[in-house]
Amino acid sequence: MIEVLVAFVVLSVTLAVILQIFTGGMRNARLADGYSRAVFLAESKLAAAGVERPLMAGDDVGQMVDMQWQVNVLPVDDGGAADRLLLPSRLYQVRVRVEWHEDGRARQVVLDSMRLGPRQ
């Protein structure tokens, strides 16, 4: 009788550990899916900067389903070299931030890039 009781205790502990591993894996898969969607959205907004509308300093914000995005475009300080050399273009820093909430925590992805755009 004691052997059966010990076997049930070992079985219950083993099942508890397996269940814990399974739920952790599911949570990590859901988190990875959220980050993948955020990176895809950030990359699409970064690729659209300077294509869908002219590249100029400013902010653009929006929301897609459960994710909020923000695009910041800032001119890069070149010490006046573009003006002295009469260059037709200027260098801009483009930063895209995507934020969302998952498992009760705020998450975010930030992508930066440098782009050439018209002088203002």
PDB file of N, CA and C in Angstrom:
ATOM      1  N   MET A   1       0.806  -1.192   0.000  1.00  0.00           N
ATOM      2  CA  MET A   1       0.000   0.000   0.000  1.00  0.00           C
ATOM      3  C   MET A   1       0.859   1.270   0.000  1.00  0.00           C
ATOM      4  N   ILE A   2       1.951   1.260   0.758  1.00  0.00           N
ATOM      5  CA  ILE A   2       2.833   2.431   0.807  1.00  0.00           C
ATOM      6  C   ILE A   2       3.466   2.676  -0.557  1.00  0.00           C
ATOM      7  N   GLU A   3       3.802   1.579  -1.286  1.00  0.00           N
ATOM      8  CA  GLU A   3       4.408   1.754  -2.610  1.00  0.00           C
ATOM      9  C   GLU A   3       3.454   2.469  -3.558  1.00  0.00           C
ATOM     10  N   VAL A   4       2.169   2.163  -3.486  1.00  0.00           N
ATOM     11  CA  VAL A   4       1.164   2.816  -4.342  1.00  0.00           C
ATOM     12  C   VAL A   4       1.056   4.289  -3.982  1.00  0.00           C
ATOM     13  N   LEU A   5       1.037   4.612  -2.706  1.00  0.00           N
ATOM     14  CA  LEU A   5       0.966   5.998  -2.261  1.00  0.00           C
ATOM     15  C   LEU A   5       2.190   6.788  -2.726  1.00  0.00           C
ATOM     16  N   VAL A   6       3.375   6.232  -2.607  1.00  0.00           N
ATOM     17  CA  VAL A   6       4.606   6.886  -3.075  1.00  0.00           C
ATOM     18  C   VAL A   6       4.559   7.080  -4.586  1.00  0.00           C
ATOM     19  N   ALA A   7       4.049   6.079  -5.294  1.00  0.00           N
ATOM     20  CA  ALA A   7       3.947   6.189  -6.754  1.00  0.00           C
ATOM     21  C   ALA A   7       3.015   7.332  -7.143  1.00  0.00           C
ATOM     22  N   PHE A   8       1.883   7.501  -6.450  1.00  0.00           N
ATOM     23  CA  PHE A   8       0.959   8.597  -6.737  1.00  0.00           C
ATOM     24  C   PHE A   8       1.592   9.958  -6.431  1.00  0.00           C
ATOM     25  N   VAL A   9       2.354  10.054  -5.366  1.00  0.00           N
ATOM     26  CA  VAL A   9       3.028  11.313  -5.035  1.00  0.00           C
ATOM     27  C   VAL A   9       4.052  11.663  -6.109  1.00  0.00           C
ATOM     28  N   VAL A  10       4.841  10.692  -6.541  1.00  0.00           N
ATOM     29  CA  VAL A  10       5.828  10.930  -7.589  1.00  0.00           C
ATOM     30  C   VAL A  10       5.135  11.322  -8.891  1.00  0.00           C
ATOM     31  N   LEU A  11       4.042  10.663  -9.220  1.00  0.00           N
ATOM     32  CA  LEU A  11       3.290  10.975 -10.437  1.00  0.00           C
ATOM     33  C   LEU A  11       2.714  12.382 -10.378  1.00  0.00           C
ATOM     34  N   SER A  12       2.173  12.774  -9.242  1.00  0.00           N
ATOM     35  CA  SER A  12       1.578  14.112  -9.127  1.00  0.00           C
ATOM     36  C   SER A  12       2.650  15.206  -9.212  1.00  0.00           C
ATOM     37  N   VAL A  13       3.795  14.984  -8.602  1.00  0.00           N
ATOM     38  CA  VAL A  13       4.879  15.966  -8.691  1.00  0.00           C
ATOM     39  C   VAL A  13       5.378  16.073 -10.132  1.00  0.00           C
ATOM     40  N   THR A  14       5.507  14.949 -10.807  1.00  0.00           N
ATOM     41  CA  THR A  14       5.958  14.941 -12.204  1.00  0.00           C
ATOM     42  C   THR A  14       4.962  15.660 -13.098  1.00  0.00           C
ATOM     43  N   LEU A  15       3.675  15.409 -12.913  1.00  0.00           N
ATOM     44  CA  LEU A  15       2.655  16.092 -13.719  1.00  0.00           C
ATOM     45  C   LEU A  15       2.638  17.590 -13.446  1.00  0.00           C
ATOM     46  N   ALA A  16       2.859  18.000 -12.210  1.00  0.00           N
ATOM     47  CA  ALA A  16       2.906  19.427 -11.891  1.00  0.00           C
ATOM     48  C   ALA A  16       4.070  20.107 -12.593  1.00  0.00           C
ATOM     49  N   VAL A  17       5.211  19.466 -12.619  1.00  0.00           N
ATOM     50  CA  VAL A  17       6.379  20.028 -13.305  1.00  0.00           C
ATOM     51  C   VAL A  17       6.130  20.110 -14.803  1.00  0.00           C
ATOM     52  N   ILE A  18       5.554  19.079 -15.392  1.00  0.00           N
ATOM     53  CA  ILE A  18       5.270  19.083 -16.826  1.00  0.00           C
ATOM     54  C   ILE A  18       4.269  20.182 -17.173  1.00  0.00           C
ATOM     55  N   LEU A  19       3.238  20.357 -16.354  1.00  0.00           N
ATOM     56  CA  LEU A  19       2.258  21.409 -16.578  1.00  0.00           C
ATOM     57  C   LEU A  19       2.900  22.789 -16.483  1.00  0.00           C
ATOM     58  N   GLN A  20       3.798  22.979 -15.543  1.00  0.00           N
ATOM     59  CA  GLN A  20       4.503  24.257 -15.395  1.00  0.00           C
ATOM     60  C   GLN A  20       5.350  24.553 -16.630  1.00  0.00           C
ATOM     61  N   ILE A  21       6.048  23.566 -17.143  1.00  0.00           N
ATOM     62  CA  ILE A  21       6.868  23.741 -18.348  1.00  0.00           C
ATOM     63  C   ILE A  21       5.993  24.079 -19.543  1.00  0.00           C
ATOM     64  N   PHE A  22       4.868  23.405 -19.677  1.00  0.00           N
ATOM     65  CA  PHE A  22       3.966  23.638 -20.797  1.00  0.00           C
ATOM     66  C   PHE A  22       3.387  25.049 -20.764  1.00  0.00           C
ATOM     67  N   THR A  23       2.922  25.523 -19.600  1.00  0.00           N
ATOM     68  CA  THR A  23       2.358  26.866 -19.519  1.00  0.00           C
ATOM     69  C   THR A  23       3.424  27.941 -19.749  1.00  0.00           C
ATOM     70  N   GLY A  24       4.644  27.694 -19.283  1.00  0.00           N
ATOM     71  CA  GLY A  24       5.734  28.637 -19.552  1.00  0.00           C
ATOM     72  C   GLY A  24       6.043  28.727 -21.034  1.00  0.00           C
ATOM     73  N   GLY A  25       6.023  27.607 -21.712  1.00  0.00           N
ATOM     74  CA  GLY A  25       6.255  27.603 -23.161  1.00  0.00           C
ATOM     75  C   GLY A  25       5.173  28.339 -23.918  1.00  0.00           C
ATOM     76  N   MET A  26       3.927  28.165 -23.510  1.00  0.00           N
ATOM     77  CA  MET A  26       2.821  28.874 -24.157  1.00  0.00           C
ATOM     78  C   MET A  26       2.922  30.380 -23.928  1.00  0.00           C
ATOM     79  N   ARG A  27       3.293  30.788 -22.727  1.00  0.00           N
ATOM     80  CA  ARG A  27       3.453  32.207 -22.416  1.00  0.00           C
ATOM     81  C   ARG A  27       4.578  32.811 -23.264  1.00  0.00           C
ATOM     82  N   ASN A  28       5.692  32.094 -23.395  1.00  0.00           N
ATOM     83  CA  ASN A  28       6.806  32.583 -24.214  1.00  0.00           C
ATOM     84  C   ASN A  28       6.435  32.657 -25.689  1.00  0.00           C
ATOM     85  N   ALA A  29       5.646  31.709 -26.168  1.00  0.00           N
ATOM     86  CA  ALA A  29       5.206  31.745 -27.565  1.00  0.00           C
ATOM     87  C   ALA A  29       4.307  32.941 -27.813  1.00  0.00           C
ATOM     88  N   ARG A  30       3.412  33.258 -26.883  1.00  0.00           N
ATOM     89  CA  ARG A  30       2.530  34.418 -27.021  1.00  0.00           C
ATOM     90  C   ARG A  30       3.337  35.713 -26.990  1.00  0.00           C
ATOM     91  N   LEU A  31       4.335  35.777 -26.120  1.00  0.00           N
ATOM     92  CA  LEU A  31       5.189  36.960 -26.033  1.00  0.00           C
ATOM     93  C   LEU A  31       5.998  37.140 -27.314  1.00  0.00           C
ATOM     94  N   ALA A  32       6.539  36.050 -27.853  1.00  0.00           N
ATOM     95  CA  ALA A  32       7.291  36.120 -29.108  1.00  0.00           C
ATOM     96  C   ALA A  32       6.401  36.575 -30.253  1.00  0.00           C
ATOM     97  N   ASP A  33       5.144  36.152 -30.264  1.00  0.00           N
ATOM     98  CA  ASP A  33       4.203  36.591 -31.301  1.00  0.00           C
ATOM     99  C   ASP A  33       3.962  38.090 -31.206  1.00  0.00           C
ATOM    100  N   GLY A  34       3.813  38.617 -29.995  1.00  0.00           N
ATOM    101  CA  GLY A  34       3.623  40.057 -29.811  1.00  0.00           C
ATOM    102  C   GLY A  34       4.818  40.856 -30.307  1.00  0.00           C
ATOM    103  N   TYR A  35       6.011  40.403 -29.968  1.00  0.00           N
ATOM    104  CA  TYR A  35       7.218  41.097 -30.438  1.00  0.00           C
ATOM    105  C   TYR A  35       7.357  40.996 -31.951  1.00  0.00           C
ATOM    106  N   SER A  36       7.019  39.873 -32.540  1.00  0.00           N
ATOM    107  CA  SER A  36       7.102  39.722 -33.999  1.00  0.00           C
ATOM    108  C   SER A  36       6.154  40.688 -34.696  1.00  0.00           C
ATOM    109  N   ARG A  37       4.916  40.801 -34.187  1.00  0.00           N
ATOM    110  CA  ARG A  37       3.963  41.733 -34.784  1.00  0.00           C
ATOM    111  C   ARG A  37       4.432  43.178 -34.626  1.00  0.00           C
ATOM    112  N   ALA A  38       5.013  43.504 -33.467  1.00  0.00           N
ATOM    113  CA  ALA A  38       5.494  44.871 -33.232  1.00  0.00           C
ATOM    114  C   ALA A  38       6.661  45.215 -34.145  1.00  0.00           C
ATOM    115  N   VAL A  39       7.588  44.289 -34.325  1.00  0.00           N
ATOM    116  CA  VAL A  39       8.730  44.529 -35.218  1.00  0.00           C
ATOM    117  C   VAL A  39       8.253  44.675 -36.658  1.00  0.00           C
ATOM    118  N   PHE A  40       7.286  43.864 -37.075  1.00  0.00           N
ATOM    119  CA  PHE A  40       6.749  43.973 -38.430  1.00  0.00           C
ATOM    120  C   PHE A  40       6.103  45.342 -38.643  1.00  0.00           C
ATOM    121  N   LEU A  41       5.319  45.812 -37.669  1.00  0.00           N
ATOM    122  CA  LEU A  41       4.692  47.132 -37.771  1.00  0.00           C
ATOM    123  C   LEU A  41       5.746  48.232 -37.793  1.00  0.00           C
ATOM    124  N   ALA A  42       6.750  48.148 -36.921  1.00  0.00           N
ATOM    125  CA  ALA A  42       7.803  49.164 -36.877  1.00  0.00           C
ATOM    126  C   ALA A  42       8.597  49.193 -38.175  1.00  0.00           C
ATOM    127  N   GLU A  43       8.909  48.028 -38.728  1.00  0.00           N
ATOM    128  CA  GLU A  43       9.644  47.985 -39.999  1.00  0.00           C
ATOM    129  C   GLU A  43       8.824  48.580 -41.134  1.00  0.00           C
ATOM    130  N   SER A  44       7.522  48.347 -41.152  1.00  0.00           N
ATOM    131  CA  SER A  44       6.696  48.903 -42.220  1.00  0.00           C
ATOM    132  C   SER A  44       6.598  50.419 -42.097  1.00  0.00           C
ATOM    133  N   LYS A  45       6.503  50.942 -40.873  1.00  0.00           N
ATOM    134  CA  LYS A  45       6.467  52.396 -40.686  1.00  0.00           C
ATOM    135  C   LYS A  45       7.817  53.026 -41.026  1.00  0.00           C
ATOM    136  N   LEU A  46       8.894  52.326 -40.712  1.00  0.00           N
ATOM    137  CA  LEU A  46      10.231  52.825 -41.035  1.00  0.00           C
ATOM    138  C   LEU A  46      10.442  52.848 -42.551  1.00  0.00           C
ATOM    139  N   ALA A  47       9.976  51.813 -43.230  1.00  0.00           N
ATOM    140  CA  ALA A  47      10.112  51.762 -44.686  1.00  0.00           C
ATOM    141  C   ALA A  47       9.255  52.831 -45.369  1.00  0.00           C
ATOM    142  N   ALA A  48       8.131  53.197 -44.759  1.00  0.00           N
ATOM    143  CA  ALA A  48       7.234  54.185 -45.358  1.00  0.00           C
ATOM    144  C   ALA A  48       7.722  55.615 -45.165  1.00  0.00           C
ATOM    145  N   ALA A  49       8.629  55.842 -44.213  1.00  0.00           N
ATOM    146  CA  ALA A  49       9.135  57.193 -43.945  1.00  0.00           C
ATOM    147  C   ALA A  49       9.881  57.716 -45.164  1.00  0.00           C
ATOM    148  N   GLY A  50       9.405  58.841 -45.682  1.00  0.00           N
ATOM    149  CA  GLY A  50      10.019  59.435 -46.856  1.00  0.00           C
ATOM    150  C   GLY A  50       9.483  58.895 -48.165  1.00  0.00           C
ATOM    151  N   VAL A  51       8.622  57.898 -48.124  1.00  0.00           N
ATOM    152  CA  VAL A  51       8.044  57.326 -49.342  1.00  0.00           C
ATOM    153  C   VAL A  51       6.584  57.735 -49.470  1.00  0.00           C
ATOM    154  N   GLU A  52       5.796  57.510 -48.413  1.00  0.00           N
ATOM    155  CA  GLU A  52       4.378  57.841 -48.446  1.00  0.00           C
ATOM    156  C   GLU A  52       4.136  59.344 -48.344  1.00  0.00           C
ATOM    157  N   ARG A  53       5.003  60.032 -47.659  1.00  0.00           N
ATOM    158  CA  ARG A  53       4.937  61.492 -47.572  1.00  0.00           C
ATOM    159  C   ARG A  53       6.367  62.004 -47.495  1.00  0.00           C
ATOM    160  N   PRO A  54       6.595  63.264 -47.880  1.00  0.00           N
ATOM    161  CA  PRO A  54       7.973  63.782 -47.867  1.00  0.00           C
ATOM    162  C   PRO A  54       8.596  63.714 -46.482  1.00  0.00           C
ATOM    163  N   LEU A  55       9.870  63.452 -46.462  1.00  0.00           N
ATOM    164  CA  LEU A  55      10.602  63.348 -45.196  1.00  0.00           C
ATOM    165  C   LEU A  55      10.854  64.745 -44.660  1.00  0.00           C
ATOM    166  N   MET A  56      10.223  65.054 -43.541  1.00  0.00           N
ATOM    167  CA  MET A  56      10.424  66.343 -42.894  1.00  0.00           C
ATOM    168  C   MET A  56      10.300  66.167 -41.391  1.00  0.00           C
ATOM    169  N   ALA A  57      10.940  67.065 -40.651  1.00  0.00           N
ATOM    170  CA  ALA A  57      10.955  66.966 -39.194  1.00  0.00           C
ATOM    171  C   ALA A  57       9.536  67.006 -38.644  1.00  0.00           C
ATOM    172  N   GLY A  58       9.292  66.137 -37.670  1.00  0.00           N
ATOM    173  CA  GLY A  58       7.975  66.103 -37.035  1.00  0.00           C
ATOM    174  C   GLY A  58       7.660  64.729 -36.492  1.00  0.00           C
ATOM    175  N   ASP A  59       6.460  64.616 -35.934  1.00  0.00           N
ATOM    176  CA  ASP A  59       5.997  63.363 -35.341  1.00  0.00           C
ATOM    177  C   ASP A  59       4.733  62.899 -36.045  1.00  0.00           C
ATOM    178  N   ASP A  60       4.546  61.605 -36.053  1.00  0.00           N
ATOM    179  CA  ASP A  60       3.332  60.985 -36.584  1.00  0.00           C
ATOM    180  C   ASP A  60       2.965  59.863 -35.629  1.00  0.00           C
ATOM    181  N   VAL A  61       1.714  59.792 -35.219  1.00  0.00           N
ATOM    182  CA  VAL A  61       1.272  58.769 -34.274  1.00  0.00           C
ATOM    183  C   VAL A  61       0.037  58.071 -34.822  1.00  0.00           C
ATOM    184  N   GLY A  62      -0.197  56.872 -34.312  1.00  0.00           N
ATOM    185  CA  GLY A  62      -1.378  56.128 -34.704  1.00  0.00           C
ATOM    186  C   GLY A  62      -1.518  54.865 -33.886  1.00  0.00           C
ATOM    187  N   GLN A  63      -2.575  54.131 -34.191  1.00  0.00           N
ATOM    188  CA  GLN A  63      -2.836  52.893 -33.480  1.00  0.00           C
ATOM    189  C   GLN A  63      -3.294  51.849 -34.479  1.00  0.00           C
ATOM    190  N   MET A  64      -2.802  50.639 -34.288  1.00  0.00           N
ATOM    191  CA  MET A  64      -3.221  49.513 -35.107  1.00  0.00           C
ATOM    192  C   MET A  64      -3.592  48.381 -34.166  1.00  0.00           C
ATOM    193  N   VAL A  65      -4.856  48.063 -34.118  1.00  0.00           N
ATOM    194  CA  VAL A  65      -5.444  47.050 -33.238  1.00  0.00           C
ATOM    195  C   VAL A  65      -5.049  47.350 -31.789  1.00  0.00           C
ATOM    196  N   ASP A  66      -4.145  46.596 -31.200  1.00  0.00           N
ATOM    197  CA  ASP A  66      -3.781  46.791 -29.794  1.00  0.00           C
ATOM    198  C   ASP A  66      -2.414  47.444 -29.623  1.00  0.00           C
ATOM    199  N   MET A  67      -1.827  47.937 -30.708  1.00  0.00           N
ATOM    200  CA  MET A  67      -0.484  48.526 -30.646  1.00  0.00           C
ATOM    201  C   MET A  67      -0.515  49.993 -31.066  1.00  0.00           C
ATOM    202  N   GLN A  68       0.172  50.818 -30.287  1.00  0.00           N
ATOM    203  CA  GLN A  68       0.304  52.226 -30.622  1.00  0.00           C
ATOM    204  C   GLN A  68       1.687  52.449 -31.227  1.00  0.00           C
ATOM    205  N   TRP A  69       1.756  53.258 -32.283  1.00  0.00           N
ATOM    206  CA  TRP A  69       3.044  53.534 -32.916  1.00  0.00           C
ATOM    207  C   TRP A  69       3.274  55.030 -32.984  1.00  0.00           C
ATOM    208  N   GLN A  70       4.563  55.380 -33.018  1.00  0.00           N
ATOM    209  CA  GLN A  70       4.967  56.777 -33.121  1.00  0.00           C
ATOM    210  C   GLN A  70       6.215  56.851 -33.992  1.00  0.00           C
ATOM    211  N   VAL A  71       6.190  57.757 -34.962  1.00  0.00           N
ATOM    212  CA  VAL A  71       7.332  57.984 -35.850  1.00  0.00           C
ATOM    213  C   VAL A  71       7.859  59.388 -35.576  1.00  0.00           C
ATOM    214  N   ASN A  72       9.139  59.497 -35.190  1.00  0.00           N
ATOM    215  CA  ASN A  72       9.796  60.784 -34.959  1.00  0.00           C
ATOM    216  C   ASN A  72      10.850  60.986 -36.034  1.00  0.00           C
ATOM    217  N   VAL A  73      10.799  62.133 -36.697  1.00  0.00           N
ATOM    218  CA  VAL A  73      11.800  62.487 -37.696  1.00  0.00           C
ATOM    219  C   VAL A  73      12.493  63.757 -37.224  1.00  0.00           C
ATOM    220  N   LEU A  74      13.813  63.678 -37.062  1.00  0.00           N
ATOM    221  CA  LEU A  74      14.604  64.823 -36.607  1.00  0.00           C
ATOM    222  C   LEU A  74      15.769  65.057 -37.562  1.00  0.00           C
ATOM    223  N   PRO A  75      16.042  66.302 -37.924  1.00  0.00           N
ATOM    224  CA  PRO A  75      17.234  66.561 -38.735  1.00  0.00           C
ATOM    225  C   PRO A  75      18.496  66.317 -37.905  1.00  0.00           C
ATOM    226  N   VAL A  76      19.486  65.715 -38.525  1.00  0.00           N
ATOM    227  CA  VAL A  76      20.757  65.455 -37.854  1.00  0.00           C
ATOM    228  C   VAL A  76      21.600  66.725 -37.901  1.00  0.00           C
ATOM    229  N   ASP A  77      22.161  67.097 -36.759  1.00  0.00           N
ATOM    230  CA  ASP A  77      22.992  68.296 -36.692  1.00  0.00           C
ATOM    231  C   ASP A  77      24.337  68.010 -37.349  1.00  0.00           C
ATOM    232  N   ASP A  78      24.561  68.630 -38.489  1.00  0.00           N
ATOM    233  CA  ASP A  78      25.818  68.436 -39.216  1.00  0.00           C
ATOM    234  C   ASP A  78      26.746  69.639 -39.072  1.00  0.00           C
ATOM    235  N   GLY A  79      26.437  70.534 -38.143  1.00  0.00           N
ATOM    236  CA  GLY A  79      27.281  71.704 -37.917  1.00  0.00           C
ATOM    237  C   GLY A  79      27.219  72.710 -39.058  1.00  0.00           C
ATOM    238  N   GLY A  80      26.155  72.669 -39.853  1.00  0.00           N
ATOM    239  CA  GLY A  80      26.007  73.603 -40.963  1.00  0.00           C
ATOM    240  C   GLY A  80      26.729  73.175 -42.229  1.00  0.00           C
ATOM    241  N   ALA A  81      27.246  71.959 -42.277  1.00  0.00           N
ATOM    242  CA  ALA A  81      27.987  71.494 -43.459  1.00  0.00           C
ATOM    243  C   ALA A  81      27.100  71.441 -44.695  1.00  0.00           C
ATOM    244  N   ALA A  82      25.831  71.052 -44.550  1.00  0.00           N
ATOM    245  CA  ALA A  82      24.930  70.979 -45.710  1.00  0.00           C
ATOM    246  C   ALA A  82      24.722  72.363 -46.306  1.00  0.00           C
ATOM    247  N   ASP A  83      24.635  73.385 -45.467  1.00  0.00           N
ATOM    248  CA  ASP A  83      24.454  74.749 -45.971  1.00  0.00           C
ATOM    249  C   ASP A  83      25.729  75.279 -46.626  1.00  0.00           C
ATOM    250  N   ARG A  84      26.888  75.011 -46.004  1.00  0.00           N
ATOM    251  CA  ARG A  84      28.157  75.497 -46.564  1.00  0.00           C
ATOM    252  C   ARG A  84      28.468  74.852 -47.904  1.00  0.00           C
ATOM    253  N   LEU A  85      28.142  73.574 -48.038  1.00  0.00           N
ATOM    254  CA  LEU A  85      28.442  72.848 -49.274  1.00  0.00           C
ATOM    255  C   LEU A  85      27.313  72.913 -50.290  1.00  0.00           C
ATOM    256  N   LEU A  86      26.225  73.601 -49.941  1.00  0.00           N
ATOM    257  CA  LEU A  86      25.056  73.750 -50.805  1.00  0.00           C
ATOM    258  C   LEU A  86      24.506  72.396 -51.267  1.00  0.00           C
ATOM    259  N   LEU A  87      24.420  71.469 -50.346  1.00  0.00           N
ATOM    260  CA  LEU A  87      23.900  70.144 -50.663  1.00  0.00           C
ATOM    261  C   LEU A  87      22.383  70.212 -50.834  1.00  0.00           C
ATOM    262  N   PRO A  88      21.833  69.483 -51.807  1.00  0.00           N
ATOM    263  CA  PRO A  88      20.382  69.523 -52.031  1.00  0.00           C
ATOM    264  C   PRO A  88      19.592  68.670 -51.047  1.00  0.00           C
ATOM    265  N   SER A  89      20.282  67.864 -50.273  1.00  0.00           N
ATOM    266  CA  SER A  89      19.574  66.981 -49.335  1.00  0.00           C
ATOM    267  C   SER A  89      20.143  67.153 -47.932  1.00  0.00           C
ATOM    268  N   ARG A  90      19.432  66.572 -47.006  1.00  0.00           N
ATOM    269  CA  ARG A  90      19.808  66.674 -45.602  1.00  0.00           C
ATOM    270  C   ARG A  90      19.629  65.305 -44.959  1.00  0.00           C
ATOM    271  N   LEU A  91      20.411  65.024 -43.920  1.00  0.00           N
ATOM    272  CA  LEU A  91      20.327  63.756 -43.206  1.00  0.00           C
ATOM    273  C   LEU A  91      19.333  63.873 -42.053  1.00  0.00           C
ATOM    274  N   TYR A  92      18.430  62.882 -41.962  1.00  0.00           N
ATOM    275  CA  TYR A  92      17.415  62.849 -40.911  1.00  0.00           C
ATOM    276  C   TYR A  92      17.529  61.550 -40.114  1.00  0.00           C
ATOM    277  N   GLN A  93      17.241  61.641 -38.829  1.00  0.00           N
ATOM    278  CA  GLN A  93      17.125  60.453 -37.996  1.00  0.00           C
ATOM    279  C   GLN A  93      15.648  60.113 -37.908  1.00  0.00           C
ATOM    280  N   VAL A  94      15.318  58.859 -38.224  1.00  0.00           N
ATOM    281  CA  VAL A  94      13.940  58.385 -38.147  1.00  0.00           C
ATOM    282  C   VAL A  94      13.879  57.329 -37.049  1.00  0.00           C
ATOM    283  N   ARG A  95      13.011  57.561 -36.068  1.00  0.00           N
ATOM    284  CA  ARG A  95      12.838  56.620 -34.954  1.00  0.00           C
ATOM    285  C   ARG A  95      11.368  56.194 -34.911  1.00  0.00           C
ATOM    286  N   VAL A  96      11.166  54.876 -34.900  1.00  0.00           N
ATOM    287  CA  VAL A  96       9.815  54.316 -34.804  1.00  0.00           C
ATOM    288  C   VAL A  96       9.712  53.562 -33.482  1.00  0.00           C
ATOM    289  N   ARG A  97       8.675  53.890 -32.711  1.00  0.00           N
ATOM    290  CA  ARG A  97       8.425  53.219 -31.430  1.00  0.00           C
ATOM    291  C   ARG A  97       7.029  52.593 -31.475  1.00  0.00           C
ATOM    292  N   VAL A  98       6.965  51.311 -31.168  1.00  0.00           N
ATOM    293  CA  VAL A  98       5.693  50.597 -31.091  1.00  0.00           C
ATOM    294  C   VAL A  98       5.522  50.112 -29.657  1.00  0.00           C
ATOM    295  N   GLU A  99       4.366  50.434 -29.062  1.00  0.00           N
ATOM    296  CA  GLU A  99       4.097  50.053 -27.676  1.00  0.00           C
ATOM    297  C   GLU A  99       2.796  49.262 -27.605  1.00  0.00           C
ATOM    298  N   TRP A 100       2.752  48.298 -26.672  1.00  0.00           N
ATOM    299  CA  TRP A 100       1.544  47.521 -26.422  1.00  0.00           C
ATOM    300  C   TRP A 100       1.618  46.946 -25.017  1.00  0.00           C
ATOM    301  N   HIS A 101       0.505  46.432 -24.539  1.00  0.00           N
ATOM    302  CA  HIS A 101       0.440  45.819 -23.203  1.00  0.00           C
ATOM    303  C   HIS A 101       0.159  44.333 -23.363  1.00  0.00           C
ATOM    304  N   GLU A 102       0.928  43.533 -22.632  1.00  0.00           N
ATOM    305  CA  GLU A 102       0.750  42.093 -22.666  1.00  0.00           C
ATOM    306  C   GLU A 102       1.083  41.521 -21.295  1.00  0.00           C
ATOM    307  N   ASP A 103       0.253  40.645 -20.811  1.00  0.00           N
ATOM    308  CA  ASP A 103       0.414  40.038 -19.485  1.00  0.00           C
ATOM    309  C   ASP A 103       0.500  41.098 -18.391  1.00  0.00           C
ATOM    310  N   GLY A 104      -0.226  42.203 -18.568  1.00  0.00           N
ATOM    311  CA  GLY A 104      -0.243  43.251 -17.558  1.00  0.00           C
ATOM    312  C   GLY A 104       0.995  44.122 -17.523  1.00  0.00           C
ATOM    313  N   ARG A 105       1.865  43.999 -18.526  1.00  0.00           N
ATOM    314  CA  ARG A 105       3.105  44.789 -18.573  1.00  0.00           C
ATOM    315  C   ARG A 105       3.177  45.555 -19.878  1.00  0.00           C
ATOM    316  N   ALA A 106       3.776  46.742 -19.819  1.00  0.00           N
ATOM    317  CA  ALA A 106       3.989  47.534 -21.027  1.00  0.00           C
ATOM    318  C   ALA A 106       5.205  46.990 -21.776  1.00  0.00           C
ATOM    319  N   ARG A 107       5.053  46.813 -23.072  1.00  0.00           N
ATOM    320  CA  ARG A 107       6.148  46.327 -23.927  1.00  0.00           C
ATOM    321  C   ARG A 107       6.387  47.367 -25.013  1.00  0.00           C
ATOM    322  N   GLN A 108       7.606  47.395 -25.550  1.00  0.00           N
ATOM    323  CA  GLN A 108       7.889  48.310 -26.644  1.00  0.00           C
ATOM    324  C   GLN A 108       9.029  47.805 -27.514  1.00  0.00           C
ATOM    325  N   VAL A 109       9.001  48.253 -28.758  1.00  0.00           N
ATOM    326  CA  VAL A 109      10.058  47.994 -29.730  1.00  0.00           C
ATOM    327  C   VAL A 109      10.423  49.344 -30.331  1.00  0.00           C
ATOM    328  N   VAL A 110      11.713  49.632 -30.447  1.00  0.00           N
ATOM    329  CA  VAL A 110      12.183  50.891 -31.022  1.00  0.00           C
ATOM    330  C   VAL A 110      13.186  50.574 -32.126  1.00  0.00           C
ATOM    331  N   LEU A 111      12.957  51.151 -33.318  1.00  0.00           N
ATOM    332  CA  LEU A 111      13.878  51.013 -34.444  1.00  0.00           C
ATOM    333  C   LEU A 111      14.334  52.401 -34.869  1.00  0.00           C
ATOM    334  N   ASP A 112      15.618  52.547 -35.161  1.00  0.00           N
ATOM    335  CA  ASP A 112      16.205  53.811 -35.627  1.00  0.00           C
ATOM    336  C   ASP A 112      16.825  53.616 -36.992  1.00  0.00           C
ATOM    337  N   SER A 113      16.801  54.699 -37.785  1.00  0.00           N
ATOM    338  CA  SER A 113      17.442  54.666 -39.091  1.00  0.00           C
ATOM    339  C   SER A 113      17.826  56.099 -39.464  1.00  0.00           C
ATOM    340  N   MET A 114      18.738  56.207 -40.402  1.00  0.00           N
ATOM    341  CA  MET A 114      19.122  57.514 -40.956  1.00  0.00           C
ATOM    342  C   MET A 114      18.680  57.532 -42.413  1.00  0.00           C
ATOM    343  N   ARG A 115      18.081  58.665 -42.831  1.00  0.00           N
ATOM    344  CA  ARG A 115      17.582  58.791 -44.197  1.00  0.00           C
ATOM    345  C   ARG A 115      17.991  60.137 -44.776  1.00  0.00           C
ATOM    346  N   LEU A 116      18.179  60.151 -46.064  1.00  0.00           N
ATOM    347  CA  LEU A 116      18.394  61.418 -46.769  1.00  0.00           C
ATOM    348  C   LEU A 116      17.063  61.954 -47.243  1.00  0.00           C
ATOM    349  N   GLY A 117      16.855  63.254 -47.013  1.00  0.00           N
ATOM    350  CA  GLY A 117      15.626  63.909 -47.429  1.00  0.00           C
ATOM    351  C   GLY A 117      15.926  65.305 -47.927  1.00  0.00           C
ATOM    352  N   PRO A 118      14.905  65.991 -48.385  1.00  0.00           N
ATOM    353  CA  PRO A 118      15.124  67.336 -48.918  1.00  0.00           C
ATOM    354  C   PRO A 118      15.467  68.338 -47.819  1.00  0.00           C
ATOM    355  N   ARG A 119      16.190  69.360 -48.184  1.00  0.00           N
ATOM    356  CA  ARG A 119      16.478  70.441 -47.225  1.00  0.00           C
ATOM    357  C   ARG A 119      15.216  71.223 -46.990  1.00  0.00           C
ATOM    358  N   GLN A 120      15.056  71.710 -45.783  1.00  0.00           N
ATOM    359  CA  GLN A 120      13.859  72.508 -45.454  1.00  0.00           C
ATOM    360  C   GLN A 120      14.232  73.949 -45.303  1.00  0.00           C
TER     361      GLN A 120
END
